[in-house]
Amino acid sequence: MSDEIGAKLKDYLKSEILHDESYPMADDEPLISSGLIDSFSLVDIALFVEETFGVRIDDNELTADNFDTVAELVKHIEANQ
């Protein structure tokens, strides 16, 4: 997993989605299935990923099954860059 991509994602999630920059987010922490992030935030996360990393995320991919952890997001970004 790219540490740089993971760090950017965590910074965004903590500051823009959770509004708690001190939150100790782990790479494998369930975000959506645990209720930490709601499903409505997936669109914001997808837009951030597309704008920041140049990776297109189709609407049918926006599910907790695909993007429940930072590690899963990083894996998707790396596979599609």
C-alpha atoms as a PDB file:
ATOM      1  CA  MET A   1       0.000   0.000   0.000  1.00  0.00           C
ATOM      2  CA  SER A   2       1.293   3.433  -0.908  1.00  0.00           C
ATOM      3  CA  ASP A   3       1.966   5.371   2.279  1.00  0.00           C
ATOM      4  CA  GLU A   4       1.629   8.683   0.421  1.00  0.00           C
ATOM      5  CA  ILE A   5      -1.811   7.856  -0.977  1.00  0.00           C
ATOM      6  CA  GLY A   6      -2.961   6.463   2.370  1.00  0.00           C
ATOM      7  CA  ALA A   7      -1.759   9.573   4.209  1.00  0.00           C
ATOM      8  CA  LYS A   8      -3.590  11.897   1.814  1.00  0.00           C
ATOM      9  CA  LEU A   9      -6.781   9.873   2.162  1.00  0.00           C
ATOM     10  CA  LYS A  10      -6.570   9.829   5.946  1.00  0.00           C
ATOM     11  CA  ASP A  11      -5.917  13.564   6.098  1.00  0.00           C
ATOM     12  CA  TYR A  12      -8.955  14.221   3.896  1.00  0.00           C
ATOM     13  CA  LEU A  13     -11.215  11.818   5.775  1.00  0.00           C
ATOM     14  CA  LYS A  14     -10.238  13.166   9.174  1.00  0.00           C
ATOM     15  CA  SER A  15     -10.458  16.848   8.279  1.00  0.00           C
ATOM     16  CA  GLU A  16     -13.318  16.983   5.766  1.00  0.00           C
ATOM     17  CA  ILE A  17     -15.535  14.006   6.601  1.00  0.00           C
ATOM     18  CA  LEU A  18     -15.019  13.352  10.326  1.00  0.00           C
ATOM     19  CA  HIS A  19     -14.029  16.924  11.242  1.00  0.00           C
ATOM     20  CA  ASP A  20     -11.577  15.492  13.785  1.00  0.00           C
ATOM     21  CA  GLU A  21      -7.950  15.703  12.666  1.00  0.00           C
ATOM     22  CA  SER A  22      -6.756  13.939  15.807  1.00  0.00           C
ATOM     23  CA  TYR A  23      -8.776  10.783  15.100  1.00  0.00           C
ATOM     24  CA  PRO A  24      -6.390   7.765  15.119  1.00  0.00           C
ATOM     25  CA  MET A  25      -7.497   6.142  11.838  1.00  0.00           C
ATOM     26  CA  ALA A  26      -5.986   2.758  10.981  1.00  0.00           C
ATOM     27  CA  ASP A  27      -5.556   1.558   7.391  1.00  0.00           C
ATOM     28  CA  ASP A  28      -7.784  -1.461   7.995  1.00  0.00           C
ATOM     29  CA  GLU A  29     -10.405   0.234  10.172  1.00  0.00           C
ATOM     30  CA  PRO A  30     -13.963  -0.274   8.878  1.00  0.00           C
ATOM     31  CA  LEU A  31     -15.250   3.179   8.038  1.00  0.00           C
ATOM     32  CA  ILE A  32     -18.698   2.661   6.576  1.00  0.00           C
ATOM     33  CA  SER A  33     -19.745  -0.710   8.015  1.00  0.00           C
ATOM     34  CA  SER A  34     -18.820   0.548  11.493  1.00  0.00           C
ATOM     35  CA  GLY A  35     -20.929   3.684  11.065  1.00  0.00           C
ATOM     36  CA  LEU A  36     -17.937   6.028  11.341  1.00  0.00           C
ATOM     37  CA  ILE A  37     -18.676   7.404   7.856  1.00  0.00           C
ATOM     38  CA  ASP A  38     -22.155   7.405   6.351  1.00  0.00           C
ATOM     39  CA  SER A  39     -22.948   6.264   2.834  1.00  0.00           C
ATOM     40  CA  PHE A  40     -23.677   9.840   1.726  1.00  0.00           C
ATOM     41  CA  SER A  41     -20.018  10.686   2.308  1.00  0.00           C
ATOM     42  CA  LEU A  42     -19.007   8.144  -0.344  1.00  0.00           C
ATOM     43  CA  VAL A  43     -19.790  10.656  -3.094  1.00  0.00           C
ATOM     44  CA  ASP A  44     -17.527  13.258  -1.472  1.00  0.00           C
ATOM     45  CA  ILE A  45     -14.785  10.673  -1.064  1.00  0.00           C
ATOM     46  CA  ALA A  46     -15.147   9.593  -4.702  1.00  0.00           C
ATOM     47  CA  LEU A  47     -14.874  13.205  -5.890  1.00  0.00           C
ATOM     48  CA  PHE A  48     -11.752  13.710  -3.778  1.00  0.00           C
ATOM     49  CA  VAL A  49     -10.178  10.533  -5.176  1.00  0.00           C
ATOM     50  CA  GLU A  50     -11.015  11.509  -8.751  1.00  0.00           C
ATOM     51  CA  GLU A  51      -9.684  15.063  -8.377  1.00  0.00           C
ATOM     52  CA  THR A  52      -6.595  14.196  -6.336  1.00  0.00           C
ATOM     53  CA  PHE A  53      -5.451  10.954  -7.920  1.00  0.00           C
ATOM     54  CA  GLY A  54      -7.033  11.102 -11.399  1.00  0.00           C
ATOM     55  CA  VAL A  55      -8.897   7.843 -10.861  1.00  0.00           C
ATOM     56  CA  ARG A  56     -12.472   7.427 -12.096  1.00  0.00           C
ATOM     57  CA  ILE A  57     -14.887   5.713  -9.720  1.00  0.00           C
ATOM     58  CA  ASP A  58     -18.128   4.490 -11.283  1.00  0.00           C
ATOM     59  CA  ASP A  59     -21.346   4.977  -9.341  1.00  0.00           C
ATOM     60  CA  ASN A  60     -21.884   1.220  -9.055  1.00  0.00           C
ATOM     61  CA  GLU A  61     -18.500   0.924  -7.306  1.00  0.00           C
ATOM     62  CA  LEU A  62     -19.512   3.282  -4.494  1.00  0.00           C
ATOM     63  CA  THR A  63     -20.320   0.682  -1.872  1.00  0.00           C
ATOM     64  CA  ALA A  64     -19.122  -0.227   1.579  1.00  0.00           C
ATOM     65  CA  ASP A  65     -17.980  -3.557   0.145  1.00  0.00           C
ATOM     66  CA  ASN A  66     -15.485  -1.793  -2.133  1.00  0.00           C
ATOM     67  CA  PHE A  67     -14.390   1.170  -0.033  1.00  0.00           C
ATOM     68  CA  ASP A  68     -14.840   0.337   3.630  1.00  0.00           C
ATOM     69  CA  THR A  69     -11.205   0.913   4.622  1.00  0.00           C
ATOM     70  CA  VAL A  70      -8.374   3.223   3.648  1.00  0.00           C
ATOM     71  CA  ALA A  71      -6.432   0.151   2.489  1.00  0.00           C
ATOM     72  CA  GLU A  72      -9.265  -0.781   0.076  1.00  0.00           C
ATOM     73  CA  LEU A  73      -9.370   2.750  -1.291  1.00  0.00           C
ATOM     74  CA  VAL A  74      -5.608   2.788  -1.804  1.00  0.00           C
ATOM     75  CA  LYS A  75      -5.751  -0.588  -3.542  1.00  0.00           C
ATOM     76  CA  HIS A  76      -8.412   0.731  -5.946  1.00  0.00           C
ATOM     77  CA  ILE A  77      -6.451   3.917  -6.650  1.00  0.00           C
ATOM     78  CA  GLU A  78      -3.211   2.040  -7.314  1.00  0.00           C
ATOM     79  CA  ALA A  79      -4.948  -0.452  -9.603  1.00  0.00           C
ATOM     80  CA  ASN A  80      -6.501   2.325 -11.681  1.00  0.00           C
ATOM     81  CA  GLN A  81      -3.732   4.909 -11.960  1.00  0.00           C
END
